[in-house]
Amino acid sequence: MTTREAVKKRLSTKTSEDECSIVKGPDATLTQRKHKVRYKLLLIFEELVEMTDEMLDSEKIILTYSFLGLEGKFTLSSENFDRKNKAAPIKKVKLYYFFGNSVAEVNELLRQKDKARIELYFDGAKEPGAYTMLDLSDFCSSLVTQKRYYFNCTGPKGLCFIKLAIGCHRESKLIDTSKVPMKPPKDKIPIFVPSGHYYTCEPILPEWIDLIPSFA
């Protein structure tokens, strides 16, 4: 089974309503407003391209990202760099669930460009050598559920581009979250992320399947 097939199977598996699970974490807190809007956010990081020689001379690159307060990072090793094509594969897929108090409140965040940021740190540097901020405002419309990006990352290390795809989908009805343990909102961003291993019974959106590239 290829990586792409494994990801599709994991994201599209259907289970019965009784099989949906919520595992409480030690930092779980319950928010006061129980009915919220639920979102799914799919992030597909493909590769860095058109890299400078200085970037390619690095032993490793730490890629960090923050989308509406959802954060993560990957380490890119020089042994996987494609020097001939001046590229570095990333090949990472992340799926998040989060809740908002209202569509209007989340849409206001989606319109703020500083709420979606990617940074590249080279060889353990404390400051990013290149970064970019993404425009997520198109996802304010319920008709937009996916986008492909080819964004420039600029900084002291020069200019490169990152290829990624994003899927964002909100539920049409409010969800009762009274029994869903939530992490406290970070940096006063009104996004509520379930604690522990939270997942839903709905399959992945059919239109998201084609976003997932073959990483084999």
N, C-alpha and C. Protein backbone atom coordinates (compact mmCIF):
# COMPACT_ATOMS: atom_id res chain seq x y z
N MET A 1 0.85 -1.19 0.00
CA MET A 1 0.00 0.00 0.00
C MET A 1 0.88 1.25 0.00
N THR A 2 0.62 2.15 -0.95
CA THR A 2 1.41 3.37 -1.01
C THR A 2 1.01 4.32 0.10
N THR A 3 1.87 5.34 0.33
CA THR A 3 1.56 6.34 1.36
C THR A 3 0.24 7.03 1.06
N ARG A 4 0.01 7.35 -0.23
CA ARG A 4 -1.23 8.03 -0.60
C ARG A 4 -2.44 7.18 -0.28
N GLU A 5 -2.37 5.87 -0.59
CA GLU A 5 -3.50 4.99 -0.32
C GLU A 5 -3.75 4.86 1.17
N ALA A 6 -2.66 4.82 1.95
CA ALA A 6 -2.80 4.71 3.41
C ALA A 6 -3.46 5.95 3.99
N VAL A 7 -3.06 7.13 3.49
CA VAL A 7 -3.65 8.39 3.99
C VAL A 7 -5.12 8.44 3.63
N LYS A 8 -5.47 8.06 2.38
CA LYS A 8 -6.87 8.07 1.96
C LYS A 8 -7.71 7.15 2.83
N LYS A 9 -7.16 5.94 3.10
CA LYS A 9 -7.90 4.99 3.91
C LYS A 9 -8.12 5.51 5.31
N ARG A 10 -7.10 6.15 5.86
CA ARG A 10 -7.19 6.67 7.23
C ARG A 10 -8.19 7.81 7.32
N LEU A 11 -8.18 8.70 6.31
CA LEU A 11 -9.02 9.89 6.37
C LEU A 11 -10.45 9.61 5.93
N SER A 12 -10.67 8.56 5.17
CA SER A 12 -12.00 8.32 4.63
C SER A 12 -12.73 7.15 5.28
N THR A 13 -12.14 6.55 6.30
CA THR A 13 -12.76 5.40 6.95
C THR A 13 -14.08 5.80 7.61
N LYS A 14 -15.13 5.04 7.33
CA LYS A 14 -16.43 5.28 7.95
C LYS A 14 -16.60 4.35 9.15
N THR A 15 -17.11 4.89 10.23
CA THR A 15 -17.41 4.07 11.40
C THR A 15 -18.80 4.43 11.88
N SER A 16 -19.38 3.62 12.73
CA SER A 16 -20.70 3.92 13.26
C SER A 16 -20.60 5.04 14.28
N GLU A 17 -21.76 5.65 14.57
CA GLU A 17 -21.79 6.77 15.50
C GLU A 17 -21.24 6.37 16.86
N ASP A 18 -21.48 5.10 17.27
CA ASP A 18 -21.02 4.64 18.58
C ASP A 18 -19.51 4.50 18.63
N GLU A 19 -18.86 4.43 17.46
CA GLU A 19 -17.42 4.22 17.43
C GLU A 19 -16.64 5.53 17.48
N CYS A 20 -17.33 6.65 17.35
CA CYS A 20 -16.65 7.94 17.48
C CYS A 20 -16.11 8.06 18.90
N SER A 21 -14.87 8.47 19.03
CA SER A 21 -14.28 8.50 20.36
C SER A 21 -13.71 9.86 20.69
N ILE A 22 -13.73 10.17 21.96
CA ILE A 22 -13.10 11.37 22.49
C ILE A 22 -12.28 10.93 23.68
N VAL A 23 -10.99 11.13 23.63
CA VAL A 23 -10.11 10.76 24.73
C VAL A 23 -9.72 12.01 25.49
N LYS A 24 -10.05 12.06 26.75
CA LYS A 24 -9.78 13.25 27.54
C LYS A 24 -8.30 13.35 27.87
N GLY A 25 -7.75 14.54 27.71
CA GLY A 25 -6.36 14.79 28.06
C GLY A 25 -6.26 15.45 29.42
N PRO A 26 -5.08 15.49 29.99
CA PRO A 26 -4.91 16.07 31.32
C PRO A 26 -5.16 17.57 31.34
N ASP A 27 -5.07 18.24 30.15
CA ASP A 27 -5.26 19.68 30.11
C ASP A 27 -6.66 20.05 29.64
N ALA A 28 -7.60 19.07 29.67
CA ALA A 28 -8.93 19.30 29.13
C ALA A 28 -9.71 20.31 29.97
N THR A 29 -10.38 21.21 29.29
CA THR A 29 -11.29 22.14 29.95
C THR A 29 -12.55 22.21 29.12
N LEU A 30 -13.67 22.51 29.76
CA LEU A 30 -14.94 22.62 29.04
C LEU A 30 -15.28 24.10 28.86
N THR A 31 -15.59 24.49 27.63
CA THR A 31 -15.94 25.87 27.36
C THR A 31 -17.39 26.11 27.74
N GLN A 32 -17.76 27.36 28.03
CA GLN A 32 -19.08 27.67 28.54
C GLN A 32 -20.15 27.59 27.46
N ARG A 33 -19.86 28.03 26.27
CA ARG A 33 -20.84 28.00 25.19
C ARG A 33 -20.77 26.64 24.51
N LYS A 34 -21.80 25.81 24.66
CA LYS A 34 -21.66 24.43 24.24
C LYS A 34 -21.93 24.20 22.76
N HIS A 35 -22.79 24.96 22.11
CA HIS A 35 -23.08 24.75 20.70
C HIS A 35 -22.15 25.60 19.84
N LYS A 36 -21.33 24.91 19.04
CA LYS A 36 -20.30 25.58 18.25
C LYS A 36 -20.31 25.07 16.82
N VAL A 37 -19.59 25.80 15.96
CA VAL A 37 -19.42 25.41 14.57
C VAL A 37 -18.16 24.56 14.45
N ARG A 38 -18.29 23.39 13.84
CA ARG A 38 -17.13 22.50 13.70
C ARG A 38 -16.52 22.62 12.30
N TYR A 39 -15.19 22.67 12.28
CA TYR A 39 -14.43 22.77 11.04
C TYR A 39 -13.46 21.60 10.92
N LYS A 40 -13.20 21.22 9.68
CA LYS A 40 -12.09 20.31 9.37
C LYS A 40 -11.08 21.08 8.55
N LEU A 41 -9.81 20.95 8.90
CA LEU A 41 -8.73 21.63 8.19
C LEU A 41 -7.71 20.59 7.74
N LEU A 42 -7.53 20.48 6.43
CA LEU A 42 -6.57 19.55 5.85
C LEU A 42 -5.39 20.33 5.29
N LEU A 43 -4.17 19.98 5.74
CA LEU A 43 -2.95 20.65 5.27
C LEU A 43 -2.08 19.61 4.57
N ILE A 44 -1.72 19.89 3.33
CA ILE A 44 -0.86 18.99 2.56
C ILE A 44 0.38 19.77 2.12
N PHE A 45 1.49 19.46 2.75
CA PHE A 45 2.76 20.11 2.43
C PHE A 45 3.50 19.24 1.41
N GLU A 46 3.74 19.76 0.22
CA GLU A 46 4.35 18.96 -0.84
C GLU A 46 5.86 19.14 -0.91
N GLU A 47 6.34 20.34 -1.21
CA GLU A 47 7.78 20.52 -1.35
C GLU A 47 8.15 21.99 -1.40
N LEU A 48 9.43 22.25 -1.14
CA LEU A 48 10.04 23.56 -1.40
C LEU A 48 10.70 23.49 -2.76
N VAL A 49 10.53 24.50 -3.57
CA VAL A 49 11.12 24.51 -4.91
C VAL A 49 11.80 25.85 -5.18
N GLU A 50 12.61 25.86 -6.24
CA GLU A 50 13.36 27.05 -6.65
C GLU A 50 14.19 27.61 -5.48
N MET A 51 14.84 26.70 -4.75
CA MET A 51 15.64 27.07 -3.59
C MET A 51 16.97 27.67 -4.02
N THR A 52 17.51 28.54 -3.18
CA THR A 52 18.83 29.12 -3.47
C THR A 52 19.92 28.12 -3.09
N ASP A 53 21.11 28.35 -3.61
CA ASP A 53 22.24 27.48 -3.26
C ASP A 53 22.53 27.53 -1.77
N GLU A 54 22.38 28.70 -1.19
CA GLU A 54 22.62 28.84 0.25
C GLU A 54 21.65 27.99 1.05
N MET A 55 20.41 27.93 0.62
CA MET A 55 19.43 27.08 1.29
C MET A 55 19.80 25.61 1.15
N LEU A 56 20.21 25.22 -0.04
CA LEU A 56 20.54 23.83 -0.31
C LEU A 56 21.82 23.38 0.40
N ASP A 57 22.66 24.33 0.80
CA ASP A 57 23.89 24.01 1.53
C ASP A 57 23.63 23.74 3.01
N SER A 58 22.40 23.95 3.47
CA SER A 58 22.06 23.72 4.88
C SER A 58 22.00 22.23 5.18
N GLU A 59 22.36 21.86 6.40
CA GLU A 59 22.28 20.46 6.83
C GLU A 59 20.83 20.06 7.10
N LYS A 60 20.06 21.00 7.64
CA LYS A 60 18.65 20.71 7.89
C LYS A 60 17.86 22.01 7.90
N ILE A 61 16.57 21.86 7.62
CA ILE A 61 15.64 22.99 7.64
C ILE A 61 14.47 22.60 8.54
N ILE A 62 14.16 23.45 9.49
CA ILE A 62 12.98 23.26 10.33
C ILE A 62 11.86 24.11 9.75
N LEU A 63 10.80 23.47 9.30
CA LEU A 63 9.62 24.19 8.80
C LEU A 63 8.59 24.24 9.92
N THR A 64 8.19 25.43 10.31
CA THR A 64 7.14 25.59 11.30
C THR A 64 5.94 26.26 10.64
N TYR A 65 4.77 25.93 11.14
CA TYR A 65 3.57 26.54 10.58
C TYR A 65 2.57 26.85 11.69
N SER A 66 1.74 27.84 11.41
CA SER A 66 0.65 28.22 12.32
C SER A 66 -0.54 28.63 11.47
N PHE A 67 -1.63 27.90 11.62
CA PHE A 67 -2.86 28.20 10.91
C PHE A 67 -3.96 28.40 11.95
N LEU A 68 -4.39 29.63 12.14
CA LEU A 68 -5.44 29.95 13.09
C LEU A 68 -5.11 29.42 14.48
N GLY A 69 -3.83 29.44 14.83
CA GLY A 69 -3.41 28.97 16.14
C GLY A 69 -3.08 27.49 16.19
N LEU A 70 -3.33 26.76 15.12
CA LEU A 70 -2.95 25.34 15.03
C LEU A 70 -1.51 25.29 14.54
N GLU A 71 -0.64 24.70 15.34
CA GLU A 71 0.78 24.79 15.05
C GLU A 71 1.44 23.41 14.90
N GLY A 72 2.55 23.40 14.16
CA GLY A 72 3.30 22.18 13.99
C GLY A 72 4.63 22.48 13.33
N LYS A 73 5.47 21.46 13.20
CA LYS A 73 6.77 21.65 12.54
C LYS A 73 7.26 20.34 11.97
N PHE A 74 8.12 20.45 10.95
CA PHE A 74 8.75 19.31 10.31
C PHE A 74 10.24 19.60 10.16
N THR A 75 11.03 18.54 10.15
CA THR A 75 12.46 18.67 9.90
C THR A 75 12.77 18.11 8.51
N LEU A 76 13.42 18.93 7.69
CA LEU A 76 13.83 18.51 6.35
C LEU A 76 15.33 18.31 6.36
N SER A 77 15.77 17.09 6.03
CA SER A 77 17.19 16.75 6.08
C SER A 77 17.83 16.94 4.71
N SER A 78 19.08 17.38 4.71
CA SER A 78 19.79 17.66 3.46
C SER A 78 19.96 16.41 2.60
N GLU A 79 19.94 15.24 3.22
CA GLU A 79 20.11 14.01 2.44
C GLU A 79 18.95 13.75 1.48
N ASN A 80 17.84 14.45 1.74
CA ASN A 80 16.67 14.30 0.86
C ASN A 80 16.51 15.46 -0.11
N PHE A 81 17.41 16.43 -0.07
CA PHE A 81 17.31 17.57 -0.98
C PHE A 81 17.55 17.11 -2.42
N ASP A 82 16.83 17.69 -3.33
CA ASP A 82 17.02 17.44 -4.76
C ASP A 82 17.80 18.62 -5.32
N ARG A 83 19.12 18.51 -5.29
CA ARG A 83 19.95 19.65 -5.70
C ARG A 83 19.83 19.95 -7.20
N LYS A 84 19.62 18.93 -7.98
CA LYS A 84 19.50 19.13 -9.42
C LYS A 84 18.31 20.02 -9.76
N ASN A 85 17.19 19.78 -9.08
CA ASN A 85 15.97 20.55 -9.33
C ASN A 85 15.75 21.65 -8.30
N LYS A 86 16.76 21.83 -7.42
CA LYS A 86 16.70 22.88 -6.39
C LYS A 86 15.42 22.79 -5.57
N ALA A 87 15.16 21.60 -5.05
CA ALA A 87 13.94 21.35 -4.32
C ALA A 87 14.20 20.52 -3.06
N ALA A 88 13.26 20.57 -2.14
CA ALA A 88 13.32 19.76 -0.92
C ALA A 88 11.92 19.20 -0.67
N PRO A 89 11.76 17.88 -0.75
CA PRO A 89 10.43 17.30 -0.51
C PRO A 89 10.01 17.43 0.96
N ILE A 90 8.74 17.66 1.16
CA ILE A 90 8.19 17.72 2.52
C ILE A 90 7.31 16.50 2.77
N LYS A 91 6.33 16.29 1.91
CA LYS A 91 5.50 15.09 1.91
C LYS A 91 4.84 14.82 3.27
N LYS A 92 4.09 15.81 3.75
CA LYS A 92 3.40 15.67 5.03
C LYS A 92 1.94 16.06 4.87
N VAL A 93 1.07 15.28 5.53
CA VAL A 93 -0.36 15.55 5.53
C VAL A 93 -0.84 15.64 6.97
N LYS A 94 -1.58 16.70 7.28
CA LYS A 94 -2.11 16.88 8.64
C LYS A 94 -3.61 17.20 8.53
N LEU A 95 -4.39 16.58 9.41
CA LEU A 95 -5.82 16.84 9.47
C LEU A 95 -6.17 17.32 10.88
N TYR A 96 -6.84 18.45 10.96
CA TYR A 96 -7.23 19.04 12.25
C TYR A 96 -8.74 19.22 12.31
N TYR A 97 -9.26 19.13 13.53
CA TYR A 97 -10.63 19.54 13.82
C TYR A 97 -10.55 20.72 14.78
N PHE A 98 -11.42 21.69 14.57
CA PHE A 98 -11.51 22.78 15.54
C PHE A 98 -12.93 23.33 15.53
N PHE A 99 -13.24 24.10 16.57
CA PHE A 99 -14.57 24.67 16.73
C PHE A 99 -14.47 26.19 16.85
N GLY A 100 -15.51 26.86 16.40
CA GLY A 100 -15.63 28.30 16.57
C GLY A 100 -16.98 28.63 17.16
N ASN A 101 -17.07 29.74 17.85
CA ASN A 101 -18.35 30.14 18.43
C ASN A 101 -19.38 30.48 17.37
N SER A 102 -18.91 31.02 16.23
CA SER A 102 -19.82 31.39 15.15
C SER A 102 -19.04 31.44 13.84
N VAL A 103 -19.76 31.34 12.72
CA VAL A 103 -19.13 31.45 11.41
C VAL A 103 -18.51 32.83 11.24
N ALA A 104 -19.22 33.86 11.67
CA ALA A 104 -18.72 35.23 11.53
C ALA A 104 -17.40 35.43 12.26
N GLU A 105 -17.29 34.83 13.44
CA GLU A 105 -16.07 34.98 14.23
C GLU A 105 -14.89 34.29 13.56
N VAL A 106 -15.11 33.09 13.02
CA VAL A 106 -14.03 32.38 12.33
C VAL A 106 -13.68 33.08 11.02
N ASN A 107 -14.69 33.57 10.31
CA ASN A 107 -14.42 34.28 9.06
C ASN A 107 -13.55 35.51 9.29
N GLU A 108 -13.76 36.17 10.41
CA GLU A 108 -12.93 37.34 10.72
C GLU A 108 -11.47 36.94 10.86
N LEU A 109 -11.21 35.76 11.44
CA LEU A 109 -9.84 35.26 11.56
C LEU A 109 -9.28 34.89 10.19
N LEU A 110 -10.10 34.27 9.35
CA LEU A 110 -9.64 33.87 8.03
C LEU A 110 -9.22 35.06 7.18
N ARG A 111 -9.77 36.22 7.46
CA ARG A 111 -9.43 37.42 6.69
C ARG A 111 -8.13 38.06 7.15
N GLN A 112 -7.60 37.62 8.29
CA GLN A 112 -6.37 38.20 8.83
C GLN A 112 -5.17 37.40 8.34
N LYS A 113 -4.34 38.03 7.51
CA LYS A 113 -3.24 37.31 6.87
C LYS A 113 -2.19 36.82 7.86
N ASP A 114 -2.08 37.47 9.03
CA ASP A 114 -1.07 37.03 9.98
C ASP A 114 -1.50 35.77 10.74
N LYS A 115 -2.68 35.25 10.46
CA LYS A 115 -3.16 34.04 11.14
C LYS A 115 -2.78 32.76 10.40
N ALA A 116 -2.07 32.89 9.27
CA ALA A 116 -1.57 31.72 8.55
C ALA A 116 -0.15 32.03 8.11
N ARG A 117 0.82 31.37 8.75
CA ARG A 117 2.22 31.72 8.55
C ARG A 117 3.08 30.45 8.49
N ILE A 118 4.04 30.44 7.59
CA ILE A 118 5.02 29.36 7.48
C ILE A 118 6.41 29.96 7.58
N GLU A 119 7.28 29.36 8.40
CA GLU A 119 8.64 29.87 8.59
C GLU A 119 9.64 28.74 8.37
N LEU A 120 10.79 29.11 7.83
CA LEU A 120 11.88 28.16 7.58
C LEU A 120 13.10 28.56 8.40
N TYR A 121 13.58 27.63 9.23
CA TYR A 121 14.76 27.87 10.06
C TYR A 121 15.88 26.96 9.56
N PHE A 122 17.03 27.55 9.30
CA PHE A 122 18.14 26.82 8.70
C PHE A 122 19.23 26.54 9.73
N ASP A 123 19.60 25.26 9.85
CA ASP A 123 20.73 24.83 10.69
C ASP A 123 20.64 25.37 12.11
N GLY A 124 19.47 25.26 12.71
CA GLY A 124 19.32 25.61 14.12
C GLY A 124 19.27 27.10 14.41
N ALA A 125 19.11 27.94 13.40
CA ALA A 125 19.05 29.39 13.62
C ALA A 125 17.84 29.75 14.49
N LYS A 126 17.99 30.82 15.26
CA LYS A 126 16.92 31.27 16.14
C LYS A 126 15.87 32.08 15.38
N GLU A 127 16.27 32.68 14.28
CA GLU A 127 15.36 33.50 13.48
C GLU A 127 15.12 32.82 12.13
N PRO A 128 13.93 32.97 11.57
CA PRO A 128 13.66 32.32 10.28
C PRO A 128 14.50 32.91 9.16
N GLY A 129 14.98 32.03 8.29
CA GLY A 129 15.74 32.48 7.13
C GLY A 129 14.83 32.85 5.98
N ALA A 130 13.57 32.39 6.05
CA ALA A 130 12.57 32.73 5.05
C ALA A 130 11.20 32.43 5.65
N TYR A 131 10.20 33.15 5.19
CA TYR A 131 8.84 32.92 5.70
C TYR A 131 7.82 33.40 4.68
N THR A 132 6.58 33.01 4.89
CA THR A 132 5.48 33.50 4.07
C THR A 132 4.22 33.53 4.91
N MET A 133 3.27 34.36 4.50
CA MET A 133 1.95 34.42 5.11
C MET A 133 0.91 34.13 4.04
N LEU A 134 -0.06 33.30 4.36
CA LEU A 134 -1.04 32.86 3.38
C LEU A 134 -2.37 33.59 3.55
N ASP A 135 -3.03 33.80 2.45
CA ASP A 135 -4.36 34.41 2.43
C ASP A 135 -5.40 33.30 2.44
N LEU A 136 -6.14 33.20 3.54
CA LEU A 136 -7.17 32.17 3.68
C LEU A 136 -8.58 32.72 3.52
N SER A 137 -8.71 33.96 3.08
CA SER A 137 -10.01 34.61 3.06
C SER A 137 -11.02 33.93 2.14
N ASP A 138 -10.55 33.21 1.12
CA ASP A 138 -11.48 32.52 0.22
C ASP A 138 -12.31 31.48 0.96
N PHE A 139 -11.77 30.96 2.06
CA PHE A 139 -12.49 29.94 2.81
C PHE A 139 -13.63 30.52 3.64
N CYS A 140 -13.81 31.83 3.61
CA CYS A 140 -14.98 32.43 4.26
C CYS A 140 -16.26 31.97 3.57
N SER A 141 -16.15 31.64 2.29
CA SER A 141 -17.30 31.14 1.54
C SER A 141 -17.42 29.64 1.73
N SER A 142 -18.64 29.17 2.00
CA SER A 142 -18.87 27.74 2.15
C SER A 142 -18.71 26.99 0.83
N LEU A 143 -18.67 27.72 -0.28
CA LEU A 143 -18.50 27.10 -1.59
C LEU A 143 -17.05 26.74 -1.87
N VAL A 144 -16.12 27.32 -1.10
CA VAL A 144 -14.69 27.05 -1.28
C VAL A 144 -14.25 26.07 -0.20
N THR A 145 -13.86 24.89 -0.60
CA THR A 145 -13.45 23.86 0.36
C THR A 145 -12.01 23.40 0.14
N GLN A 146 -11.36 23.90 -0.92
CA GLN A 146 -9.98 23.47 -1.19
C GLN A 146 -9.27 24.51 -2.05
N LYS A 147 -7.96 24.59 -1.87
CA LYS A 147 -7.13 25.47 -2.68
C LYS A 147 -5.72 24.91 -2.75
N ARG A 148 -5.08 25.10 -3.88
CA ARG A 148 -3.66 24.80 -4.02
C ARG A 148 -2.88 26.11 -3.98
N TYR A 149 -1.71 26.06 -3.33
CA TYR A 149 -0.90 27.27 -3.17
C TYR A 149 0.50 27.04 -3.73
N TYR A 150 1.03 28.11 -4.28
CA TYR A 150 2.43 28.16 -4.72
C TYR A 150 2.95 29.50 -4.24
N PHE A 151 3.39 29.52 -2.98
CA PHE A 151 3.70 30.78 -2.31
C PHE A 151 5.20 31.00 -2.19
N ASN A 152 5.59 32.24 -2.31
CA ASN A 152 7.01 32.58 -2.15
C ASN A 152 7.36 32.74 -0.68
N CYS A 153 8.51 32.19 -0.29
CA CYS A 153 9.07 32.37 1.04
C CYS A 153 10.34 33.22 0.89
N THR A 154 10.37 34.34 1.56
CA THR A 154 11.51 35.24 1.43
C THR A 154 12.11 35.55 2.79
N GLY A 155 13.39 35.94 2.78
CA GLY A 155 14.08 36.29 4.01
C GLY A 155 15.57 36.40 3.76
N PRO A 156 16.37 36.42 4.84
CA PRO A 156 17.83 36.54 4.70
C PRO A 156 18.48 35.46 3.83
N LYS A 157 17.85 34.28 3.77
CA LYS A 157 18.42 33.19 2.98
C LYS A 157 18.04 33.28 1.50
N GLY A 158 17.24 34.27 1.17
CA GLY A 158 16.84 34.42 -0.22
C GLY A 158 15.39 34.06 -0.45
N LEU A 159 15.10 33.65 -1.67
CA LEU A 159 13.73 33.38 -2.10
C LEU A 159 13.58 31.93 -2.54
N CYS A 160 12.50 31.29 -2.09
CA CYS A 160 12.10 29.99 -2.61
C CYS A 160 10.58 29.95 -2.62
N PHE A 161 10.02 28.85 -3.06
CA PHE A 161 8.57 28.72 -3.12
C PHE A 161 8.15 27.43 -2.43
N ILE A 162 6.96 27.45 -1.84
CA ILE A 162 6.42 26.27 -1.19
C ILE A 162 5.14 25.85 -1.90
N LYS A 163 5.05 24.56 -2.17
CA LYS A 163 3.85 24.00 -2.79
C LYS A 163 3.04 23.28 -1.72
N LEU A 164 1.80 23.68 -1.55
CA LEU A 164 0.94 23.03 -0.58
C LEU A 164 -0.50 23.14 -1.02
N ALA A 165 -1.35 22.33 -0.40
CA ALA A 165 -2.78 22.38 -0.65
C ALA A 165 -3.49 22.44 0.70
N ILE A 166 -4.60 23.15 0.73
CA ILE A 166 -5.37 23.30 1.96
C ILE A 166 -6.83 22.98 1.67
N GLY A 167 -7.41 22.19 2.56
CA GLY A 167 -8.85 21.95 2.53
C GLY A 167 -9.46 22.47 3.81
N CYS A 168 -10.56 23.18 3.71
CA CYS A 168 -11.23 23.71 4.90
C CYS A 168 -12.73 23.55 4.70
N HIS A 169 -13.37 22.92 5.66
CA HIS A 169 -14.81 22.66 5.55
C HIS A 169 -15.48 22.88 6.89
N ARG A 170 -16.61 23.56 6.87
CA ARG A 170 -17.37 23.76 8.11
C ARG A 170 -18.69 23.01 8.03
N GLU A 171 -19.13 22.52 9.19
CA GLU A 171 -20.39 21.80 9.26
C GLU A 171 -21.55 22.78 9.06
N SER A 172 -22.65 22.27 8.52
CA SER A 172 -23.81 23.13 8.27
C SER A 172 -24.68 23.32 9.51
N LYS A 173 -24.44 22.52 10.54
CA LYS A 173 -25.23 22.64 11.76
C LYS A 173 -24.31 22.82 12.96
N LEU A 174 -24.85 23.39 14.02
CA LEU A 174 -24.09 23.57 15.25
C LEU A 174 -23.93 22.23 15.95
N ILE A 175 -22.78 22.07 16.60
CA ILE A 175 -22.45 20.82 17.29
C ILE A 175 -22.46 21.06 18.81
N ASP A 176 -23.10 20.15 19.52
CA ASP A 176 -23.11 20.22 20.98
C ASP A 176 -21.74 19.75 21.49
N THR A 177 -20.98 20.65 22.06
CA THR A 177 -19.63 20.33 22.54
C THR A 177 -19.56 20.24 24.06
N SER A 178 -20.71 20.09 24.71
CA SER A 178 -20.72 20.09 26.17
C SER A 178 -19.89 18.94 26.77
N LYS A 179 -19.72 17.85 26.00
CA LYS A 179 -18.94 16.72 26.50
C LYS A 179 -17.60 16.57 25.78
N VAL A 180 -17.22 17.60 25.03
CA VAL A 180 -15.95 17.55 24.30
C VAL A 180 -14.89 18.34 25.07
N PRO A 181 -13.88 17.70 25.61
CA PRO A 181 -12.82 18.43 26.30
C PRO A 181 -12.06 19.32 25.32
N MET A 182 -11.89 20.58 25.69
CA MET A 182 -11.23 21.54 24.81
C MET A 182 -9.96 22.09 25.44
N LYS A 183 -8.97 22.34 24.60
CA LYS A 183 -7.80 23.07 25.05
C LYS A 183 -8.16 24.55 25.13
N PRO A 184 -7.62 25.28 26.09
CA PRO A 184 -7.90 26.71 26.18
C PRO A 184 -7.45 27.42 24.91
N PRO A 185 -8.20 28.40 24.43
CA PRO A 185 -7.78 29.17 23.25
C PRO A 185 -6.39 29.76 23.44
N LYS A 186 -5.57 29.71 22.40
CA LYS A 186 -4.19 30.18 22.47
C LYS A 186 -4.08 31.61 21.95
N ASP A 187 -3.37 32.44 22.70
CA ASP A 187 -3.12 33.83 22.29
C ASP A 187 -4.42 34.57 22.01
N LYS A 188 -5.46 34.25 22.77
CA LYS A 188 -6.75 34.92 22.66
C LYS A 188 -7.41 34.73 21.29
N ILE A 189 -6.97 33.73 20.53
CA ILE A 189 -7.61 33.40 19.25
C ILE A 189 -8.82 32.52 19.56
N PRO A 190 -10.03 32.93 19.20
CA PRO A 190 -11.24 32.18 19.57
C PRO A 190 -11.44 30.90 18.75
N ILE A 191 -10.42 30.05 18.76
CA ILE A 191 -10.48 28.75 18.11
C ILE A 191 -10.35 27.70 19.20
N PHE A 192 -11.24 26.74 19.20
CA PHE A 192 -11.27 25.73 20.26
C PHE A 192 -10.88 24.37 19.66
N VAL A 193 -9.79 23.81 20.16
CA VAL A 193 -9.25 22.56 19.64
C VAL A 193 -9.51 21.44 20.64
N PRO A 194 -10.10 20.34 20.21
CA PRO A 194 -10.37 19.23 21.14
C PRO A 194 -9.08 18.66 21.72
N SER A 195 -9.12 18.31 22.99
CA SER A 195 -7.99 17.66 23.62
C SER A 195 -8.02 16.17 23.30
N GLY A 196 -6.85 15.55 23.33
CA GLY A 196 -6.79 14.11 23.12
C GLY A 196 -7.01 13.73 21.67
N HIS A 197 -7.39 12.46 21.46
CA HIS A 197 -7.54 11.90 20.13
C HIS A 197 -9.00 12.00 19.69
N TYR A 198 -9.35 13.14 19.15
CA TYR A 198 -10.72 13.41 18.74
C TYR A 198 -10.86 13.16 17.24
N TYR A 199 -11.93 12.48 16.85
CA TYR A 199 -12.22 12.34 15.42
C TYR A 199 -13.73 12.19 15.24
N THR A 200 -14.19 12.37 14.01
CA THR A 200 -15.61 12.26 13.72
C THR A 200 -15.85 11.07 12.80
N CYS A 201 -17.12 10.74 12.61
CA CYS A 201 -17.50 9.58 11.81
C CYS A 201 -17.66 9.90 10.33
N GLU A 202 -17.62 11.19 9.98
CA GLU A 202 -17.81 11.55 8.59
C GLU A 202 -16.57 11.23 7.76
N PRO A 203 -16.74 10.73 6.54
CA PRO A 203 -15.58 10.48 5.68
C PRO A 203 -14.99 11.79 5.18
N ILE A 204 -13.80 11.73 4.65
CA ILE A 204 -13.17 12.89 4.06
C ILE A 204 -14.00 13.35 2.85
N LEU A 205 -13.99 14.64 2.58
CA LEU A 205 -14.73 15.15 1.43
C LEU A 205 -14.21 14.53 0.14
N PRO A 206 -15.09 14.11 -0.75
CA PRO A 206 -14.63 13.49 -2.00
C PRO A 206 -13.68 14.39 -2.80
N GLU A 207 -13.95 15.70 -2.78
CA GLU A 207 -13.09 16.61 -3.55
C GLU A 207 -11.71 16.77 -2.95
N TRP A 208 -11.52 16.31 -1.72
CA TRP A 208 -10.19 16.39 -1.10
C TRP A 208 -9.29 15.24 -1.54
N ILE A 209 -9.88 14.15 -2.00
CA ILE A 209 -9.09 12.98 -2.36
C ILE A 209 -8.03 13.32 -3.41
N ASP A 210 -8.42 14.09 -4.43
CA ASP A 210 -7.48 14.42 -5.49
C ASP A 210 -6.39 15.39 -5.04
N LEU A 211 -6.59 16.02 -3.87
CA LEU A 211 -5.55 16.92 -3.36
C LEU A 211 -4.34 16.14 -2.85
N ILE A 212 -4.60 14.91 -2.42
CA ILE A 212 -3.53 14.12 -1.80
C ILE A 212 -2.64 13.55 -2.87
N PRO A 213 -1.40 14.00 -2.95
CA PRO A 213 -0.50 13.49 -4.00
C PRO A 213 0.06 12.13 -3.62
N SER A 214 0.68 11.49 -4.55
CA SER A 214 1.36 10.22 -4.28
C SER A 214 2.73 10.52 -3.69
N PHE A 215 2.96 10.11 -2.44
CA PHE A 215 4.23 10.34 -1.78
C PHE A 215 5.09 9.07 -1.79
N ALA A 216 4.71 8.11 -2.59
CA ALA A 216 5.45 6.85 -2.63
C ALA A 216 6.82 7.07 -3.26
